[in-house]
Amino acid sequence: MHHLQLDEDTRNTLAETIECAIGELRMEIADTDSYDFRQMLKVREATLKRLLADLAGSPLAA
């Protein structure tokens, strides 16, 4: 497992970027007719949500 140490500004920027991507995925999921593609997008959304949760719990760089 790799560990990243991010300063507060970098962490905030990364979190905002991930939140934006999750929002875009939700719209794409709602607009997608293909079951397989929708499932792949849901997996990606879940991965981004886990990453965002991990990011929120990681320590700041000193």
N, C-alpha and C. Protein backbone atom coordinates (compact mmCIF):
# COMPACT_ATOMS: atom_id res chain seq x y z
N MET A 1 0.84 -1.17 0.00
CA MET A 1 0.00 0.00 0.00
C MET A 1 0.89 1.24 0.00
N HIS A 2 0.47 2.23 -0.75
CA HIS A 2 1.21 3.49 -0.83
C HIS A 2 0.54 4.52 0.07
N HIS A 3 1.34 5.42 0.59
CA HIS A 3 0.84 6.49 1.44
C HIS A 3 1.26 7.82 0.84
N LEU A 4 0.31 8.74 0.80
CA LEU A 4 0.59 10.10 0.33
C LEU A 4 0.48 11.05 1.50
N GLN A 5 1.37 11.98 1.56
CA GLN A 5 1.27 13.05 2.54
C GLN A 5 0.98 14.33 1.77
N LEU A 6 -0.17 14.91 2.05
CA LEU A 6 -0.61 16.09 1.32
C LEU A 6 -0.77 17.25 2.28
N ASP A 7 -0.44 18.44 1.80
CA ASP A 7 -0.74 19.61 2.62
C ASP A 7 -2.23 19.92 2.49
N GLU A 8 -2.73 20.79 3.34
CA GLU A 8 -4.16 21.05 3.40
C GLU A 8 -4.73 21.56 2.08
N ASP A 9 -4.04 22.49 1.42
CA ASP A 9 -4.53 23.02 0.15
C ASP A 9 -4.61 21.93 -0.92
N THR A 10 -3.61 21.08 -0.97
CA THR A 10 -3.60 20.00 -1.96
C THR A 10 -4.71 19.01 -1.66
N ARG A 11 -4.86 18.66 -0.39
CA ARG A 11 -5.92 17.72 -0.01
C ARG A 11 -7.29 18.30 -0.38
N ASN A 12 -7.52 19.57 -0.09
CA ASN A 12 -8.80 20.19 -0.41
C ASN A 12 -9.06 20.21 -1.90
N THR A 13 -8.04 20.53 -2.68
CA THR A 13 -8.18 20.55 -4.13
C THR A 13 -8.50 19.15 -4.66
N LEU A 14 -7.80 18.15 -4.16
CA LEU A 14 -8.05 16.78 -4.58
C LEU A 14 -9.45 16.34 -4.18
N ALA A 15 -9.89 16.66 -2.98
CA ALA A 15 -11.23 16.30 -2.53
C ALA A 15 -12.30 16.97 -3.40
N GLU A 16 -12.12 18.23 -3.73
CA GLU A 16 -13.07 18.94 -4.59
C GLU A 16 -13.12 18.31 -5.98
N THR A 17 -11.97 17.92 -6.49
CA THR A 17 -11.91 17.29 -7.80
C THR A 17 -12.64 15.95 -7.80
N ILE A 18 -12.44 15.17 -6.75
CA ILE A 18 -13.11 13.87 -6.64
C ILE A 18 -14.61 14.07 -6.49
N GLU A 19 -15.03 15.02 -5.68
CA GLU A 19 -16.46 15.30 -5.52
C GLU A 19 -17.10 15.70 -6.84
N CYS A 20 -16.41 16.49 -7.62
CA CYS A 20 -16.90 16.89 -8.94
C CYS A 20 -17.05 15.67 -9.85
N ALA A 21 -16.05 14.81 -9.83
CA ALA A 21 -16.09 13.60 -10.66
C ALA A 21 -17.25 12.70 -10.24
N ILE A 22 -17.51 12.60 -8.94
CA ILE A 22 -18.63 11.79 -8.47
C ILE A 22 -19.95 12.37 -8.98
N GLY A 23 -20.09 13.68 -8.92
CA GLY A 23 -21.29 14.33 -9.44
C GLY A 23 -21.50 14.06 -10.93
N GLU A 24 -20.43 14.13 -11.68
CA GLU A 24 -20.51 13.87 -13.12
C GLU A 24 -20.87 12.41 -13.38
N LEU A 25 -20.31 11.51 -12.57
CA LEU A 25 -20.64 10.09 -12.72
C LEU A 25 -22.12 9.84 -12.43
N ARG A 26 -22.66 10.49 -11.42
CA ARG A 26 -24.08 10.32 -11.10
C ARG A 26 -24.96 10.72 -12.27
N MET A 27 -24.62 11.82 -12.92
CA MET A 27 -25.39 12.26 -14.09
C MET A 27 -25.25 11.24 -15.23
N GLU A 28 -24.04 10.75 -15.43
CA GLU A 28 -23.80 9.77 -16.49
C GLU A 28 -24.56 8.47 -16.21
N ILE A 29 -24.56 8.05 -14.94
CA ILE A 29 -25.28 6.83 -14.56
C ILE A 29 -26.77 7.00 -14.87
N ALA A 30 -27.32 8.15 -14.53
CA ALA A 30 -28.75 8.40 -14.76
C ALA A 30 -29.09 8.43 -16.25
N ASP A 31 -28.15 8.87 -17.08
CA ASP A 31 -28.41 9.02 -18.51
C ASP A 31 -28.02 7.80 -19.34
N THR A 32 -27.46 6.78 -18.72
CA THR A 32 -26.93 5.63 -19.46
C THR A 32 -27.99 4.55 -19.59
N ASP A 33 -28.18 4.07 -20.81
CA ASP A 33 -29.13 3.00 -21.08
C ASP A 33 -28.48 1.62 -20.97
N SER A 34 -27.20 1.54 -21.19
CA SER A 34 -26.50 0.25 -21.17
C SER A 34 -26.30 -0.23 -19.74
N TYR A 35 -26.84 -1.40 -19.43
CA TYR A 35 -26.71 -1.97 -18.08
C TYR A 35 -25.25 -2.17 -17.71
N ASP A 36 -24.46 -2.77 -18.61
CA ASP A 36 -23.06 -3.06 -18.31
C ASP A 36 -22.26 -1.78 -18.07
N PHE A 37 -22.50 -0.78 -18.89
CA PHE A 37 -21.79 0.49 -18.72
C PHE A 37 -22.20 1.15 -17.41
N ARG A 38 -23.50 1.10 -17.09
CA ARG A 38 -23.99 1.67 -15.84
C ARG A 38 -23.33 0.99 -14.64
N GLN A 39 -23.21 -0.33 -14.69
CA GLN A 39 -22.58 -1.06 -13.60
C GLN A 39 -21.11 -0.66 -13.44
N MET A 40 -20.40 -0.50 -14.55
CA MET A 40 -19.01 -0.07 -14.51
C MET A 40 -18.90 1.33 -13.88
N LEU A 41 -19.82 2.21 -14.23
CA LEU A 41 -19.81 3.56 -13.67
C LEU A 41 -20.09 3.53 -12.16
N LYS A 42 -20.98 2.64 -11.73
CA LYS A 42 -21.29 2.51 -10.30
C LYS A 42 -20.08 2.02 -9.52
N VAL A 43 -19.33 1.11 -10.11
CA VAL A 43 -18.10 0.63 -9.47
C VAL A 43 -17.10 1.78 -9.35
N ARG A 44 -16.98 2.55 -10.41
CA ARG A 44 -16.07 3.70 -10.40
C ARG A 44 -16.50 4.72 -9.34
N GLU A 45 -17.80 4.97 -9.24
CA GLU A 45 -18.32 5.89 -8.23
C GLU A 45 -17.98 5.40 -6.82
N ALA A 46 -18.19 4.12 -6.58
CA ALA A 46 -17.89 3.54 -5.26
C ALA A 46 -16.40 3.68 -4.94
N THR A 47 -15.55 3.47 -5.94
CA THR A 47 -14.11 3.61 -5.75
C THR A 47 -13.75 5.04 -5.38
N LEU A 48 -14.34 6.00 -6.08
CA LEU A 48 -14.07 7.40 -5.78
C LEU A 48 -14.58 7.79 -4.40
N LYS A 49 -15.71 7.25 -3.99
CA LYS A 49 -16.24 7.54 -2.65
C LYS A 49 -15.31 6.98 -1.58
N ARG A 50 -14.77 5.77 -1.80
CA ARG A 50 -13.81 5.21 -0.84
C ARG A 50 -12.55 6.06 -0.78
N LEU A 51 -12.07 6.50 -1.94
CA LEU A 51 -10.89 7.35 -1.99
C LEU A 51 -11.13 8.66 -1.24
N LEU A 52 -12.30 9.24 -1.42
CA LEU A 52 -12.63 10.49 -0.75
C LEU A 52 -12.68 10.27 0.77
N ALA A 53 -13.25 9.16 1.20
CA ALA A 53 -13.29 8.85 2.64
C ALA A 53 -11.88 8.64 3.19
N ASP A 54 -11.05 7.92 2.44
CA ASP A 54 -9.66 7.72 2.86
C ASP A 54 -8.92 9.05 2.94
N LEU A 55 -9.17 9.90 1.99
CA LEU A 55 -8.51 11.20 1.95
C LEU A 55 -8.91 12.04 3.16
N ALA A 56 -10.16 11.96 3.55
CA ALA A 56 -10.64 12.72 4.70
C ALA A 56 -9.99 12.25 6.00
N GLY A 57 -9.62 10.97 6.05
CA GLY A 57 -9.04 10.43 7.27
C GLY A 57 -7.53 10.40 7.30
N SER A 58 -6.88 10.84 6.22
CA SER A 58 -5.42 10.77 6.17
C SER A 58 -4.80 11.99 6.86
N PRO A 59 -3.63 11.79 7.47
CA PRO A 59 -2.98 12.89 8.16
C PRO A 59 -2.38 13.89 7.16
N LEU A 60 -2.29 15.12 7.60
CA LEU A 60 -1.68 16.17 6.78
C LEU A 60 -0.16 16.06 6.85
N ALA A 61 0.48 16.52 5.79
CA ALA A 61 1.95 16.55 5.77
C ALA A 61 2.42 17.61 6.75
N ALA A 62 3.52 17.35 7.38
CA ALA A 62 4.06 18.30 8.37
C ALA A 62 4.94 19.32 7.69
